[in-house]
Amino acid sequence: MSRVPGTQPEGIRDEREAASYVRDMFSRIAPRYDLLNHLLSFRLDKVWRRRTARRFHHILTRPGARVLDLCCGTGDLTLALLDEAIRASEKGKSSTQRTQNRPEEHRGATVWGSDFAHPMLVRALEKSAATRVRYFEADAMRLPCPDASVDLVTAAFGFRNLANYETGLREIYRVLKPGGEVGILEFAAPRSRFIGAMYRLYFTQIVPRVGGSISGNRAAYAYLPVSVDKFPEREELHAKMQQVGFRDTHTELWTFGIVALHTARKA
């Protein structure tokens, strides 16, 4: 169980250095980030993001709702959230209406993406050029958003890279409206002995080799299993969320327990 305030790359002394290390690392691997995500997950990363978006269908289809995807990287979850909002708003329309209306004119939620690694956002913008998604560059622990201004905050495989988890949770809580929800999608350590052994073998031996070879940055993909191992287990994460003020904390485990969606609601 993690006792560190946030991510701790090897040799890093404080939160400022940790944040700088993570920003530089993701900036360097941005060109091959999508390719390796799909390759190393056997394209299950797309399934996990779509499932996350469906989990928040009730918010994404709400007219006027505001959604913020934190640590959005190249925007895969951001676009999955928008797709869910569009798909739901298109239900019940005739084929003529669907043809006449542009997807970005749907009546569902407005979706924003945020990241502090500029090269990641450049790629997100390229992928989202024909959509209504908007992006801004910001540290997830210091968001340029008003208090109580967002209905849903999500983060896919990025929250564990924050230099301080409690600070990140408090910032999410601050920007959420009362009754707003948070969804944190992260890797998890399977509790099955057999699945756990296979998972650790793949993560510690294969991922660094393949990821390092293709990206040219083995350190980044060696950091991945270490960061997952140090991330709080769900009981501790729930306790942190509740300490900040969240209620209805819950975890859904997917794909033999290797991925977890942690959800909660602002009281």
C-alpha atoms as a PDB file:
ATOM      1  CA  MET A   1       0.000   0.000   0.000  1.00  0.00           C
ATOM      2  CA  SER A   2       1.376   3.366  -1.058  1.00  0.00           C
ATOM      3  CA  ARG A   3       2.518   5.849   1.589  1.00  0.00           C
ATOM      4  CA  VAL A   4       4.036   8.423  -0.771  1.00  0.00           C
ATOM      5  CA  PRO A   5       2.204  11.709  -1.487  1.00  0.00           C
ATOM      6  CA  GLY A   6       2.392  11.063  -5.231  1.00  0.00           C
ATOM      7  CA  THR A   7       4.537   9.599  -7.970  1.00  0.00           C
ATOM      8  CA  GLN A   8       8.208   9.161  -7.084  1.00  0.00           C
ATOM      9  CA  PRO A   9      10.471   8.524 -10.085  1.00  0.00           C
ATOM     10  CA  GLU A  10      13.866   7.179  -9.110  1.00  0.00           C
ATOM     11  CA  GLY A  11      16.274   9.868  -7.934  1.00  0.00           C
ATOM     12  CA  ILE A  12      13.581  12.530  -7.562  1.00  0.00           C
ATOM     13  CA  ARG A  13      13.719  14.526  -4.340  1.00  0.00           C
ATOM     14  CA  ASP A  14      10.485  16.535  -4.165  1.00  0.00           C
ATOM     15  CA  GLU A  15       7.136  17.221  -5.793  1.00  0.00           C
ATOM     16  CA  ARG A  16       8.475  19.963  -8.073  1.00  0.00           C
ATOM     17  CA  GLU A  17      11.112  17.637  -9.508  1.00  0.00           C
ATOM     18  CA  ALA A  18       8.562  14.837  -9.855  1.00  0.00           C
ATOM     19  CA  ALA A  19       6.205  17.046 -11.875  1.00  0.00           C
ATOM     20  CA  SER A  20       9.044  18.251 -14.100  1.00  0.00           C
ATOM     21  CA  TYR A  21      10.247  14.683 -14.685  1.00  0.00           C
ATOM     22  CA  VAL A  22       6.779  13.468 -15.675  1.00  0.00           C
ATOM     23  CA  ARG A  23       6.172  16.423 -18.005  1.00  0.00           C
ATOM     24  CA  ASP A  24       9.488  15.924 -19.795  1.00  0.00           C
ATOM     25  CA  MET A  25       9.008  12.165 -20.024  1.00  0.00           C
ATOM     26  CA  PHE A  26       5.566  12.353 -21.633  1.00  0.00           C
ATOM     27  CA  SER A  27       6.709  15.135 -23.932  1.00  0.00           C
ATOM     28  CA  ARG A  28       9.492  12.891 -25.246  1.00  0.00           C
ATOM     29  CA  ILE A  29       7.325   9.821 -25.851  1.00  0.00           C
ATOM     30  CA  ALA A  30       4.389  11.728 -27.368  1.00  0.00           C
ATOM     31  CA  PRO A  31       5.206  10.807 -31.014  1.00  0.00           C
ATOM     32  CA  ARG A  32       4.769   7.054 -30.363  1.00  0.00           C
ATOM     33  CA  TYR A  33       2.376   7.279 -27.419  1.00  0.00           C
ATOM     34  CA  ASP A  34      -0.806   6.190 -29.211  1.00  0.00           C
ATOM     35  CA  LEU A  35       0.921   3.400 -31.112  1.00  0.00           C
ATOM     36  CA  LEU A  36       2.373   1.916 -27.938  1.00  0.00           C
ATOM     37  CA  ASN A  37      -0.844   2.308 -25.952  1.00  0.00           C
ATOM     38  CA  HIS A  38      -2.716   0.245 -28.517  1.00  0.00           C
ATOM     39  CA  LEU A  39       0.093  -2.249 -29.075  1.00  0.00           C
ATOM     40  CA  LEU A  40       0.972  -2.948 -25.447  1.00  0.00           C
ATOM     41  CA  SER A  41      -2.658  -3.208 -24.343  1.00  0.00           C
ATOM     42  CA  PHE A  42      -3.684  -5.311 -27.363  1.00  0.00           C
ATOM     43  CA  ARG A  43      -6.063  -2.414 -28.153  1.00  0.00           C
ATOM     44  CA  LEU A  44      -7.931  -2.967 -24.900  1.00  0.00           C
ATOM     45  CA  ASP A  45      -7.168   0.642 -23.981  1.00  0.00           C
ATOM     46  CA  LYS A  46      -9.875   1.676 -26.449  1.00  0.00           C
ATOM     47  CA  VAL A  47     -12.349  -0.691 -24.803  1.00  0.00           C
ATOM     48  CA  TRP A  48     -11.545   0.665 -21.326  1.00  0.00           C
ATOM     49  CA  ARG A  49     -12.027   4.258 -22.422  1.00  0.00           C
ATOM     50  CA  ARG A  50     -15.314   3.551 -24.181  1.00  0.00           C
ATOM     51  CA  ARG A  51     -16.545   1.701 -21.102  1.00  0.00           C
ATOM     52  CA  THR A  52     -15.578   4.655 -18.921  1.00  0.00           C
ATOM     53  CA  ALA A  53     -17.529   7.007 -21.165  1.00  0.00           C
ATOM     54  CA  ARG A  54     -20.595   4.746 -21.028  1.00  0.00           C
ATOM     55  CA  ARG A  55     -20.337   4.697 -17.227  1.00  0.00           C
ATOM     56  CA  PHE A  56     -21.032   8.460 -17.247  1.00  0.00           C
ATOM     57  CA  HIS A  57     -23.760   8.376 -19.876  1.00  0.00           C
ATOM     58  CA  HIS A  58     -26.168  10.089 -17.483  1.00  0.00           C
ATOM     59  CA  ILE A  59     -23.939  13.173 -17.324  1.00  0.00           C
ATOM     60  CA  LEU A  60     -22.688  13.216 -20.902  1.00  0.00           C
ATOM     61  CA  THR A  61     -26.233  13.327 -22.267  1.00  0.00           C
ATOM     62  CA  ARG A  62     -27.300  16.164 -20.000  1.00  0.00           C
ATOM     63  CA  PRO A  63     -27.780  19.445 -21.918  1.00  0.00           C
ATOM     64  CA  GLY A  64     -25.401  22.097 -20.644  1.00  0.00           C
ATOM     65  CA  ALA A  65     -23.225  19.696 -18.629  1.00  0.00           C
ATOM     66  CA  ARG A  66     -19.508  20.477 -18.492  1.00  0.00           C
ATOM     67  CA  VAL A  67     -16.942  17.698 -18.566  1.00  0.00           C
ATOM     68  CA  LEU A  68     -13.201  17.975 -17.939  1.00  0.00           C
ATOM     69  CA  ASP A  69     -10.792  15.190 -18.917  1.00  0.00           C
ATOM     70  CA  LEU A  70      -7.627  15.673 -16.851  1.00  0.00           C
ATOM     71  CA  CYS A  71      -4.184  14.397 -17.876  1.00  0.00           C
ATOM     72  CA  CYS A  72      -5.829  13.843 -21.248  1.00  0.00           C
ATOM     73  CA  GLY A  73      -2.636  13.036 -23.164  1.00  0.00           C
ATOM     74  CA  THR A  74      -3.466  12.716 -26.860  1.00  0.00           C
ATOM     75  CA  GLY A  75      -7.179  12.930 -26.175  1.00  0.00           C
ATOM     76  CA  ASP A  76      -8.412   9.346 -26.518  1.00  0.00           C
ATOM     77  CA  LEU A  77     -10.687   9.445 -23.467  1.00  0.00           C
ATOM     78  CA  THR A  78     -11.695  13.031 -24.262  1.00  0.00           C
ATOM     79  CA  LEU A  79     -12.945  11.905 -27.666  1.00  0.00           C
ATOM     80  CA  ALA A  80     -14.629   8.813 -26.205  1.00  0.00           C
ATOM     81  CA  LEU A  81     -16.559  11.085 -23.840  1.00  0.00           C
ATOM     82  CA  LEU A  82     -17.635  13.294 -26.721  1.00  0.00           C
ATOM     83  CA  ASP A  83     -18.607  10.279 -28.829  1.00  0.00           C
ATOM     84  CA  GLU A  84     -20.836   9.002 -26.038  1.00  0.00           C
ATOM     85  CA  ALA A  85     -22.560  12.377 -25.791  1.00  0.00           C
ATOM     86  CA  ILE A  86     -23.068  12.519 -29.559  1.00  0.00           C
ATOM     87  CA  ARG A  87     -24.259   8.926 -29.871  1.00  0.00           C
ATOM     88  CA  ALA A  88     -26.886   9.413 -27.187  1.00  0.00           C
ATOM     89  CA  SER A  89     -28.128  12.692 -28.659  1.00  0.00           C
ATOM     90  CA  GLU A  90     -28.501  11.061 -32.084  1.00  0.00           C
ATOM     91  CA  LYS A  91     -30.828   8.368 -30.744  1.00  0.00           C
ATOM     92  CA  GLY A  92     -34.384   8.855 -31.830  1.00  0.00           C
ATOM     93  CA  LYS A  93     -33.517  11.096 -34.772  1.00  0.00           C
ATOM     94  CA  SER A  94     -34.420  10.146 -38.309  1.00  0.00           C
ATOM     95  CA  SER A  95     -31.639   9.319 -40.761  1.00  0.00           C
ATOM     96  CA  THR A  96     -32.298  12.674 -42.466  1.00  0.00           C
ATOM     97  CA  GLN A  97     -31.881  14.572 -39.202  1.00  0.00           C
ATOM     98  CA  ARG A  98     -28.645  12.717 -38.424  1.00  0.00           C
ATOM     99  CA  THR A  99     -27.304  13.616 -41.859  1.00  0.00           C
ATOM    100  CA  GLN A 100     -28.245  17.278 -41.610  1.00  0.00           C
ATOM    101  CA  ASN A 101     -26.889  17.885 -38.113  1.00  0.00           C
ATOM    102  CA  ARG A 102     -23.157  18.140 -37.630  1.00  0.00           C
ATOM    103  CA  PRO A 103     -21.845  15.945 -34.748  1.00  0.00           C
ATOM    104  CA  GLU A 104     -20.412  18.950 -32.939  1.00  0.00           C
ATOM    105  CA  GLU A 105     -23.907  20.454 -32.720  1.00  0.00           C
ATOM    106  CA  HIS A 106     -25.219  17.787 -30.361  1.00  0.00           C
ATOM    107  CA  ARG A 107     -27.120  18.873 -27.261  1.00  0.00           C
ATOM    108  CA  GLY A 108     -25.142  16.847 -24.754  1.00  0.00           C
ATOM    109  CA  ALA A 109     -22.224  17.829 -22.563  1.00  0.00           C
ATOM    110  CA  THR A 110     -19.424  20.198 -23.487  1.00  0.00           C
ATOM    111  CA  VAL A 111     -16.118  18.328 -23.215  1.00  0.00           C
ATOM    112  CA  TRP A 112     -12.719  19.837 -22.411  1.00  0.00           C
ATOM    113  CA  GLY A 113      -9.314  18.171 -22.205  1.00  0.00           C
ATOM    114  CA  SER A 114      -6.331  19.325 -20.167  1.00  0.00           C
ATOM    115  CA  ASP A 115      -2.708  18.232 -19.907  1.00  0.00           C
ATOM    116  CA  PHE A 116       0.590  19.844 -18.960  1.00  0.00           C
ATOM    117  CA  ALA A 117       2.719  18.124 -21.622  1.00  0.00           C
ATOM    118  CA  HIS A 118       2.512  20.396 -24.665  1.00  0.00           C
ATOM    119  CA  PRO A 119       3.462  17.784 -27.324  1.00  0.00           C
ATOM    120  CA  MET A 120       0.632  15.571 -26.084  1.00  0.00           C
ATOM    121  CA  LEU A 121      -1.875  18.391 -26.554  1.00  0.00           C
ATOM    122  CA  VAL A 122      -0.569  19.080 -30.069  1.00  0.00           C
ATOM    123  CA  ARG A 123      -1.495  15.518 -31.032  1.00  0.00           C
ATOM    124  CA  ALA A 124      -4.819  15.742 -29.241  1.00  0.00           C
ATOM    125  CA  LEU A 125      -5.671  18.853 -31.235  1.00  0.00           C
ATOM    126  CA  GLU A 126      -4.773  17.127 -34.495  1.00  0.00           C
ATOM    127  CA  LYS A 127      -7.082  14.208 -33.676  1.00  0.00           C
ATOM    128  CA  SER A 128      -9.912  16.484 -32.523  1.00  0.00           C
ATOM    129  CA  ALA A 129      -9.788  19.107 -35.287  1.00  0.00           C
ATOM    130  CA  ALA A 130     -13.267  18.278 -36.620  1.00  0.00           C
ATOM    131  CA  THR A 131     -14.948  18.162 -33.206  1.00  0.00           C
ATOM    132  CA  ARG A 132     -16.182  20.587 -30.592  1.00  0.00           C
ATOM    133  CA  VAL A 133     -13.604  19.423 -28.033  1.00  0.00           C
ATOM    134  CA  ARG A 134     -11.389  22.170 -26.659  1.00  0.00           C
ATOM    135  CA  TYR A 135      -8.057  21.744 -24.881  1.00  0.00           C
ATOM    136  CA  PHE A 136      -5.980  23.821 -22.503  1.00  0.00           C
ATOM    137  CA  GLU A 137      -2.520  23.353 -21.063  1.00  0.00           C
ATOM    138  CA  ALA A 138      -2.451  23.222 -17.273  1.00  0.00           C
ATOM    139  CA  ASP A 139      -1.141  21.330 -14.266  1.00  0.00           C
ATOM    140  CA  ALA A 140      -3.880  19.080 -12.850  1.00  0.00           C
ATOM    141  CA  MET A 141      -2.989  20.294  -9.355  1.00  0.00           C
ATOM    142  CA  ARG A 142      -3.463  23.978 -10.298  1.00  0.00           C
ATOM    143  CA  LEU A 143      -6.361  24.220 -12.706  1.00  0.00           C
ATOM    144  CA  PRO A 144      -7.420  27.599 -14.180  1.00  0.00           C
ATOM    145  CA  CYS A 145     -11.073  26.713 -13.557  1.00  0.00           C
ATOM    146  CA  PRO A 146     -13.610  28.455 -11.290  1.00  0.00           C
ATOM    147  CA  ASP A 147     -14.895  26.702  -8.198  1.00  0.00           C
ATOM    148  CA  ALA A 148     -17.924  24.452  -8.718  1.00  0.00           C
ATOM    149  CA  SER A 149     -17.885  24.832 -12.502  1.00  0.00           C
ATOM    150  CA  VAL A 150     -17.720  21.231 -13.794  1.00  0.00           C
ATOM    151  CA  ASP A 151     -20.192  18.329 -13.686  1.00  0.00           C
ATOM    152  CA  LEU A 152     -17.707  15.518 -14.352  1.00  0.00           C
ATOM    153  CA  VAL A 153     -13.938  15.132 -14.092  1.00  0.00           C
ATOM    154  CA  THR A 154     -12.199  12.109 -15.588  1.00  0.00           C
ATOM    155  CA  ALA A 155      -8.599  10.937 -15.826  1.00  0.00           C
ATOM    156  CA  ALA A 156      -7.358   7.876 -17.711  1.00  0.00           C
ATOM    157  CA  PHE A 157      -3.969   6.457 -16.735  1.00  0.00           C
ATOM    158  CA  GLY A 158      -2.693   9.881 -15.743  1.00  0.00           C
ATOM    159  CA  PHE A 159      -3.763  10.522 -12.161  1.00  0.00           C
ATOM    160  CA  ARG A 160      -1.096   8.185 -10.760  1.00  0.00           C
ATOM    161  CA  ASN A 161       1.558  10.468 -12.314  1.00  0.00           C
ATOM    162  CA  LEU A 162       0.600  13.423 -10.123  1.00  0.00           C
ATOM    163  CA  ALA A 163       3.249  14.582  -7.703  1.00  0.00           C
ATOM    164  CA  ASN A 164       0.682  14.695  -4.892  1.00  0.00           C
ATOM    165  CA  TYR A 165      -2.507  12.617  -5.013  1.00  0.00           C
ATOM    166  CA  GLU A 166      -4.298  14.442  -2.220  1.00  0.00           C
ATOM    167  CA  THR A 167      -3.626  17.810  -3.836  1.00  0.00           C
ATOM    168  CA  GLY A 168      -4.977  16.455  -7.108  1.00  0.00           C
ATOM    169  CA  LEU A 169      -8.128  15.141  -5.440  1.00  0.00           C
ATOM    170  CA  ARG A 170      -8.696  18.440  -3.655  1.00  0.00           C
ATOM    171  CA  GLU A 171      -8.376  20.315  -6.939  1.00  0.00           C
ATOM    172  CA  ILE A 172     -10.872  17.968  -8.606  1.00  0.00           C
ATOM    173  CA  TYR A 173     -13.231  18.455  -5.660  1.00  0.00           C
ATOM    174  CA  ARG A 174     -12.867  22.230  -5.918  1.00  0.00           C
ATOM    175  CA  VAL A 175     -13.838  22.472  -9.589  1.00  0.00           C
ATOM    176  CA  LEU A 176     -16.742  20.000  -9.351  1.00  0.00           C
ATOM    177  CA  LYS A 177     -20.262  21.264  -8.794  1.00  0.00           C
ATOM    178  CA  PRO A 178     -22.166  19.858  -5.803  1.00  0.00           C
ATOM    179  CA  GLY A 179     -23.299  16.396  -6.882  1.00  0.00           C
ATOM    180  CA  GLY A 180     -20.605  16.314  -9.574  1.00  0.00           C
ATOM    181  CA  GLU A 181     -18.718  13.081 -10.190  1.00  0.00           C
ATOM    182  CA  VAL A 182     -15.155  11.931 -10.740  1.00  0.00           C
ATOM    183  CA  GLY A 183     -13.886   8.889 -12.625  1.00  0.00           C
ATOM    184  CA  ILE A 184     -10.243   7.799 -12.342  1.00  0.00           C
ATOM    185  CA  LEU A 185      -9.239   4.982 -14.693  1.00  0.00           C
ATOM    186  CA  GLU A 186      -5.973   3.334 -13.664  1.00  0.00           C
ATOM    187  CA  PHE A 187      -4.027   0.111 -13.802  1.00  0.00           C
ATOM    188  CA  ALA A 188      -4.359  -2.095 -10.743  1.00  0.00           C
ATOM    189  CA  ALA A 189      -2.484  -5.028  -9.265  1.00  0.00           C
ATOM    190  CA  PRO A 190      -4.622  -8.177  -9.745  1.00  0.00           C
ATOM    191  CA  ARG A 191      -5.295 -10.014  -6.501  1.00  0.00           C
ATOM    192  CA  SER A 192      -5.409 -13.413  -8.162  1.00  0.00           C
ATOM    193  CA  ARG A 193      -2.034 -15.098  -7.607  1.00  0.00           C
ATOM    194  CA  PHE A 194      -1.831 -16.511 -11.150  1.00  0.00           C
ATOM    195  CA  ILE A 195      -3.094 -13.393 -12.965  1.00  0.00           C
ATOM    196  CA  GLY A 196      -0.912 -11.231 -10.743  1.00  0.00           C
ATOM    197  CA  ALA A 197       2.207 -13.220 -11.619  1.00  0.00           C
ATOM    198  CA  MET A 198       1.484 -13.000 -15.358  1.00  0.00           C
ATOM    199  CA  TYR A 199       0.689  -9.302 -15.031  1.00  0.00           C
ATOM    200  CA  ARG A 200       3.947  -8.533 -13.212  1.00  0.00           C
ATOM    201  CA  LEU A 201       5.979 -10.533 -15.731  1.00  0.00           C
ATOM    202  CA  TYR A 202       4.436  -8.656 -18.648  1.00  0.00           C
ATOM    203  CA  PHE A 203       4.671  -5.240 -17.006  1.00  0.00           C
ATOM    204  CA  THR A 204       8.201  -5.528 -15.651  1.00  0.00           C
ATOM    205  CA  GLN A 205       9.890  -7.515 -18.418  1.00  0.00           C
ATOM    206  CA  ILE A 206       8.055  -7.094 -21.711  1.00  0.00           C
ATOM    207  CA  VAL A 207       6.600  -3.581 -21.524  1.00  0.00           C
ATOM    208  CA  PRO A 208       9.956  -1.831 -20.844  1.00  0.00           C
ATOM    209  CA  ARG A 209      11.664  -3.735 -23.651  1.00  0.00           C
ATOM    210  CA  VAL A 210       8.999  -3.235 -26.308  1.00  0.00           C
ATOM    211  CA  GLY A 211       8.096   0.285 -25.215  1.00  0.00           C
ATOM    212  CA  GLY A 212      11.718   1.339 -24.942  1.00  0.00           C
ATOM    213  CA  SER A 213      12.611  -0.131 -28.324  1.00  0.00           C
ATOM    214  CA  ILE A 214       9.789   1.566 -30.212  1.00  0.00           C
ATOM    215  CA  SER A 215       9.771   4.886 -28.366  1.00  0.00           C
ATOM    216  CA  GLY A 216      13.533   5.177 -27.942  1.00  0.00           C
ATOM    217  CA  ASN A 217      12.987   5.879 -24.246  1.00  0.00           C
ATOM    218  CA  ARG A 218      13.217   2.733 -22.147  1.00  0.00           C
ATOM    219  CA  ALA A 219      13.253   4.725 -18.910  1.00  0.00           C
ATOM    220  CA  ALA A 220       9.699   5.934 -19.577  1.00  0.00           C
ATOM    221  CA  TYR A 221       8.371   2.399 -19.955  1.00  0.00           C
ATOM    222  CA  ALA A 222      10.408   1.126 -17.022  1.00  0.00           C
ATOM    223  CA  TYR A 223       8.757   3.896 -14.984  1.00  0.00           C
ATOM    224  CA  LEU A 224       5.284   2.575 -15.877  1.00  0.00           C
ATOM    225  CA  PRO A 225       5.278  -0.614 -13.742  1.00  0.00           C
ATOM    226  CA  VAL A 226       6.994   1.199 -10.875  1.00  0.00           C
ATOM    227  CA  SER A 227       4.365   3.953 -10.872  1.00  0.00           C
ATOM    228  CA  VAL A 228       1.547   1.387 -10.920  1.00  0.00           C
ATOM    229  CA  ASP A 229       3.112  -0.543  -8.056  1.00  0.00           C
ATOM    230  CA  LYS A 230       3.382   2.595  -5.907  1.00  0.00           C
ATOM    231  CA  PHE A 231      -0.147   3.812  -6.639  1.00  0.00           C
ATOM    232  CA  PRO A 232      -2.529   3.451  -3.663  1.00  0.00           C
ATOM    233  CA  GLU A 233      -4.667   0.338  -3.549  1.00  0.00           C
ATOM    234  CA  ARG A 234      -8.369   0.986  -3.839  1.00  0.00           C
ATOM    235  CA  GLU A 235      -9.030   0.993  -0.083  1.00  0.00           C
ATOM    236  CA  GLU A 236      -6.419   3.665   0.503  1.00  0.00           C
ATOM    237  CA  LEU A 237      -7.564   5.691  -2.503  1.00  0.00           C
ATOM    238  CA  HIS A 238     -11.151   5.568  -1.222  1.00  0.00           C
ATOM    239  CA  ALA A 239      -9.934   6.802   2.157  1.00  0.00           C
ATOM    240  CA  LYS A 240      -8.109   9.713   0.488  1.00  0.00           C
ATOM    241  CA  MET A 241     -11.226  10.585  -1.515  1.00  0.00           C
ATOM    242  CA  GLN A 242     -13.436  10.507   1.563  1.00  0.00           C
ATOM    243  CA  GLN A 243     -10.960  12.613   3.502  1.00  0.00           C
ATOM    244  CA  VAL A 244     -11.200  15.293   0.810  1.00  0.00           C
ATOM    245  CA  GLY A 245     -15.002  15.191   0.975  1.00  0.00           C
ATOM    246  CA  PHE A 246     -16.092  12.742  -1.713  1.00  0.00           C
ATOM    247  CA  ARG A 247     -18.929  10.304  -1.072  1.00  0.00           C
ATOM    248  CA  ASP A 248     -20.191   7.116  -2.722  1.00  0.00           C
ATOM    249  CA  THR A 249     -16.668   5.938  -3.522  1.00  0.00           C
ATOM    250  CA  HIS A 250     -16.654   2.815  -5.653  1.00  0.00           C
ATOM    251  CA  THR A 251     -14.238   0.740  -7.742  1.00  0.00           C
ATOM    252  CA  GLU A 252     -15.059  -1.387 -10.788  1.00  0.00           C
ATOM    253  CA  LEU A 253     -12.408  -3.944 -11.770  1.00  0.00           C
ATOM    254  CA  TRP A 254     -12.076  -4.913 -15.440  1.00  0.00           C
ATOM    255  CA  THR A 255     -10.077  -7.411 -17.501  1.00  0.00           C
ATOM    256  CA  PHE A 256      -9.201  -9.855 -14.714  1.00  0.00           C
ATOM    257  CA  GLY A 257      -8.558  -6.988 -12.317  1.00  0.00           C
ATOM    258  CA  ILE A 258      -5.700  -5.326 -14.185  1.00  0.00           C
ATOM    259  CA  VAL A 259      -7.655  -2.094 -14.661  1.00  0.00           C
ATOM    260  CA  ALA A 260      -9.839  -0.216 -12.188  1.00  0.00           C
ATOM    261  CA  LEU A 261     -12.329   2.614 -12.586  1.00  0.00           C
ATOM    262  CA  HIS A 262     -12.531   4.547  -9.311  1.00  0.00           C
ATOM    263  CA  THR A 263     -15.627   6.741  -9.007  1.00  0.00           C
ATOM    264  CA  ALA A 264     -16.998   9.122  -6.406  1.00  0.00           C
ATOM    265  CA  ARG A 265     -19.421  12.009  -5.997  1.00  0.00           C
ATOM    266  CA  LYS A 266     -18.994  15.460  -4.501  1.00  0.00           C
ATOM    267  CA  ALA A 267     -21.292  15.740  -1.519  1.00  0.00           C
END
